[in-house]
Amino acid sequence: MPAVPPDTYLTLFSAAAQHAEQQEDQFRKGYASELQRLERERAFAHRRHGLMQRIGRALDGGTDGEQARQAVERVLAQEFGLDPAIEAHQPILEAFHAVSDAIEATWIKDPPDSRPMADPATVPAALAAFEAWYLARTGTPFMALYDVYVQETPVVDW
């Protein structure tokens, strides 16, 4: 039986080691990016929850229609600096009206109002639709606006 040159089987072991290393690297990269995605999704979920809590407190079940929309706009102004007087902000605020309307529709209505109370799941669906619209319009997620640091500048009277 002829002897097998050592380079032949060592080459096979080397190739197997390189393949295992590549698989490990791919796993680590995939794991890191998946972990990053999950961390971002968790942060956005908490941001959504906090935003909806602040909106709920602003509405307090007592405002409706245009008053509700204005209350929500005030919250959005406080949170993100969105101002209805600024033309570039108007489409964003108008698109968010669907969320305000969904919240209002879930409130228990007084007996004279014959409209049935809407399913609470319409609120997350309305917010998801708004966020999808915002992402398509700007290329960035709406909840990423919390990542934008706005430095406060003092008002100086000369």
Protein backbone atom coordinates (compact mmCIF):
# COMPACT_ATOMS: atom_id res chain seq x y z
CA MET A 1 0.00 0.00 0.00
CA PRO A 2 1.49 3.34 -1.00
CA ALA A 3 2.05 5.95 1.69
CA VAL A 4 -0.24 9.03 1.62
CA PRO A 5 1.73 12.25 1.61
CA PRO A 6 1.06 14.16 4.86
CA ASP A 7 0.08 17.32 2.99
CA THR A 8 -3.02 15.59 1.61
CA TYR A 9 -4.74 14.76 4.88
CA LEU A 10 -3.40 17.89 6.60
CA THR A 11 -4.94 19.94 3.81
CA LEU A 12 -8.28 18.26 4.51
CA PHE A 13 -8.01 19.01 8.23
CA SER A 14 -6.99 22.59 7.46
CA ALA A 15 -9.98 23.02 5.15
CA ALA A 16 -12.30 21.56 7.81
CA ALA A 17 -10.88 23.96 10.43
CA GLN A 18 -11.30 26.95 8.11
CA HIS A 19 -14.88 25.89 7.33
CA ALA A 20 -15.68 25.58 11.06
CA GLU A 21 -14.16 29.01 11.69
CA GLN A 22 -16.23 30.55 8.88
CA GLN A 23 -19.40 29.01 10.29
CA GLU A 24 -18.59 30.36 13.74
CA ASP A 25 -17.90 33.84 12.33
CA GLN A 26 -21.20 33.80 10.40
CA PHE A 27 -23.05 32.71 13.52
CA ARG A 28 -21.41 35.44 15.63
CA LYS A 29 -22.21 38.12 13.03
CA GLY A 30 -25.78 36.89 12.71
CA TYR A 31 -26.14 36.67 16.47
CA ALA A 32 -24.76 40.17 16.97
CA SER A 33 -27.03 41.70 14.33
CA GLU A 34 -30.07 39.80 15.64
CA LEU A 35 -29.29 40.88 19.19
CA GLN A 36 -28.96 44.49 17.99
CA ARG A 37 -32.29 44.22 16.17
CA LEU A 38 -34.00 42.79 19.26
CA GLU A 39 -32.50 45.49 21.50
CA ARG A 40 -33.77 48.19 19.15
CA GLU A 41 -37.22 46.60 18.97
CA ARG A 42 -37.35 46.42 22.79
CA ALA A 43 -36.35 50.08 23.07
CA PHE A 44 -38.97 51.08 20.49
CA ALA A 45 -41.65 49.04 22.29
CA HIS A 46 -40.92 50.87 25.56
CA ARG A 47 -40.91 54.20 23.71
CA ARG A 48 -44.30 53.41 22.16
CA HIS A 49 -45.66 52.46 25.57
CA GLY A 50 -44.38 55.67 27.15
CA LEU A 51 -45.69 57.81 24.30
CA MET A 52 -49.13 56.22 24.50
CA GLN A 53 -49.16 56.71 28.28
CA ARG A 54 -48.41 60.42 27.85
CA ILE A 55 -51.04 60.75 25.15
CA GLY A 56 -53.55 58.91 27.32
CA ARG A 57 -52.87 61.28 30.22
CA ALA A 58 -53.24 64.28 27.91
CA LEU A 59 -56.57 63.03 26.61
CA ASP A 60 -57.77 61.71 29.96
CA GLY A 61 -60.92 60.37 28.33
CA GLY A 62 -62.54 63.78 28.48
CA THR A 63 -61.57 65.35 25.20
CA ASP A 64 -62.83 64.41 21.79
CA GLY A 65 -62.65 65.46 18.18
CA GLU A 66 -60.53 68.50 17.50
CA GLN A 67 -59.68 68.97 21.19
CA ALA A 68 -58.25 65.46 21.29
CA ARG A 69 -56.17 66.07 18.20
CA GLN A 70 -54.81 69.30 19.67
CA ALA A 71 -53.96 67.54 22.94
CA VAL A 72 -52.09 64.86 21.01
CA GLU A 73 -50.28 67.53 18.98
CA ARG A 74 -49.14 69.13 22.24
CA VAL A 75 -47.69 65.81 23.38
CA LEU A 76 -45.95 65.32 20.03
CA ALA A 77 -44.58 68.88 20.30
CA GLN A 78 -43.19 68.14 23.77
CA GLU A 79 -41.76 64.75 22.80
CA PHE A 80 -40.42 65.45 19.31
CA GLY A 81 -40.62 69.19 18.71
CA LEU A 82 -43.32 68.77 16.07
CA ASP A 83 -45.06 72.09 15.59
CA PRO A 84 -48.29 72.53 13.60
CA ALA A 85 -47.11 75.99 12.59
CA ILE A 86 -44.14 74.48 10.73
CA GLU A 87 -45.18 73.38 7.25
CA ALA A 88 -42.84 70.37 7.18
CA HIS A 89 -44.39 69.02 10.40
CA GLN A 90 -48.01 69.35 9.26
CA PRO A 91 -48.18 66.10 7.23
CA ILE A 92 -46.72 64.16 10.15
CA LEU A 93 -49.22 65.60 12.61
CA GLU A 94 -52.10 65.04 10.17
CA ALA A 95 -51.05 61.42 9.64
CA PHE A 96 -50.97 60.93 13.41
CA HIS A 97 -54.63 62.00 13.62
CA ALA A 98 -55.57 58.40 12.74
CA VAL A 99 -53.94 57.32 16.01
CA SER A 100 -55.82 60.01 17.96
CA ASP A 101 -59.07 58.94 16.33
CA ALA A 102 -58.40 55.29 17.14
CA ILE A 103 -57.78 56.14 20.79
CA GLU A 104 -60.95 58.20 20.97
CA ALA A 105 -62.97 55.40 19.37
CA THR A 106 -61.97 53.00 22.17
CA TRP A 107 -63.41 55.16 24.92
CA ILE A 108 -66.67 54.13 26.53
CA LYS A 109 -69.33 56.31 25.06
CA ASP A 110 -72.06 58.07 26.95
CA PRO A 111 -75.51 56.54 26.43
CA PRO A 112 -76.69 59.23 24.01
CA ASP A 113 -73.82 58.35 21.67
CA SER A 114 -74.91 55.37 19.62
CA ARG A 115 -71.45 54.53 18.23
CA PRO A 116 -70.11 51.27 19.63
CA MET A 117 -66.77 51.24 21.39
CA ALA A 118 -63.95 50.18 19.05
CA ASP A 119 -61.65 47.24 19.64
CA PRO A 120 -58.59 48.40 21.63
CA ALA A 121 -56.37 46.59 19.09
CA THR A 122 -57.18 49.37 16.63
CA VAL A 123 -54.83 51.71 18.51
CA PRO A 124 -51.64 49.63 18.07
CA ALA A 125 -52.71 48.95 14.48
CA ALA A 126 -53.17 52.68 13.83
CA LEU A 127 -49.79 53.47 15.37
CA ALA A 128 -48.14 50.70 13.32
CA ALA A 129 -49.73 52.10 10.15
CA PHE A 130 -48.51 55.59 11.05
CA GLU A 131 -45.00 54.29 11.75
CA ALA A 132 -44.97 52.43 8.41
CA TRP A 133 -46.07 55.63 6.65
CA TYR A 134 -43.38 57.63 8.45
CA LEU A 135 -40.69 55.07 7.59
CA ALA A 136 -41.71 55.10 3.92
CA ARG A 137 -41.73 58.91 3.90
CA THR A 138 -38.45 59.55 5.73
CA GLY A 139 -36.49 56.32 5.59
CA THR A 140 -36.11 56.28 9.37
CA PRO A 141 -38.33 54.80 12.08
CA PHE A 142 -40.53 57.28 13.92
CA MET A 143 -39.38 56.03 17.31
CA ALA A 144 -35.80 56.85 16.28
CA LEU A 145 -36.75 60.50 16.82
CA TYR A 146 -36.09 59.81 20.50
CA ASP A 147 -32.45 59.23 19.52
CA VAL A 148 -32.10 62.78 18.21
CA TYR A 149 -30.52 64.97 20.85
CA VAL A 150 -31.84 68.50 20.82
CA GLN A 151 -29.56 70.81 22.72
CA GLU A 152 -31.38 73.41 24.71
CA THR A 153 -30.18 76.88 23.95
CA PRO A 154 -30.69 79.62 26.46
CA VAL A 155 -32.78 82.58 25.52
CA VAL A 156 -30.58 85.63 25.82
CA ASP A 157 -31.96 89.11 25.85
CA TRP A 158 -29.38 91.62 24.63
